[in-house]
Amino acid sequence: MKFIFIGVLLIMNIFANTYSKKLAYQIISQDKAKEMMEENNNYIILDVRTDWEYRMGHIEGAINIPNEEIGYREIEALPDKNQPILVYCRSGHRSKEASAKLAVLGYKNIYEFGGIMTWEYGLVE
C-alpha cells in the first residue's frame, strides 16, 4: 500500500510539473506592472475581485471580471488571447487562480502582480 501511495505521488508530481509548464503565466512585481502600464498602451488591467470590491476602489483603467466568473468559456471582454493582461486582486490569491484559468483558456501573455493591498500607485472609484 505504501508503494502505491508513493507511486501516485510521483505521478501527480510529474503531471503537475508538465501541466504547469504548459500553463505558465508570469508573476511580476507591482513596480514592474506599473512600469508596463507606463510604457505600453496595448494591455488590459484585469481586476478579479468581486464587483463590490471593484466599486470600492480599483486601479485606473482596470476592467472587472471576478475570479469566480472565469471558467472554461470564452471571455467576450478579453477577445485577443495574445494581448498582455495584467492581473490583480486584493491580496494575490485570486489573481493567481484567475491567471491559471486564463492560461487554460489559451491566453499567452498573462502577468500576475498580486493584490492592491500593497499597491502604492493610487486607486480610483
Foldseek 3Di string as FASTA:
>chain_A
DVVVVVVVVVVVVVVVVVLCVQLDAAEDALVVVVVCVVPDDQEAEEEQDDPVVVVVWDAPRHDYDHLVNQAQDDDPVCPDLATAYEYEYAFAPSRVSSSSSSSVNPRDHYYYHGHPVVNDPGIDD
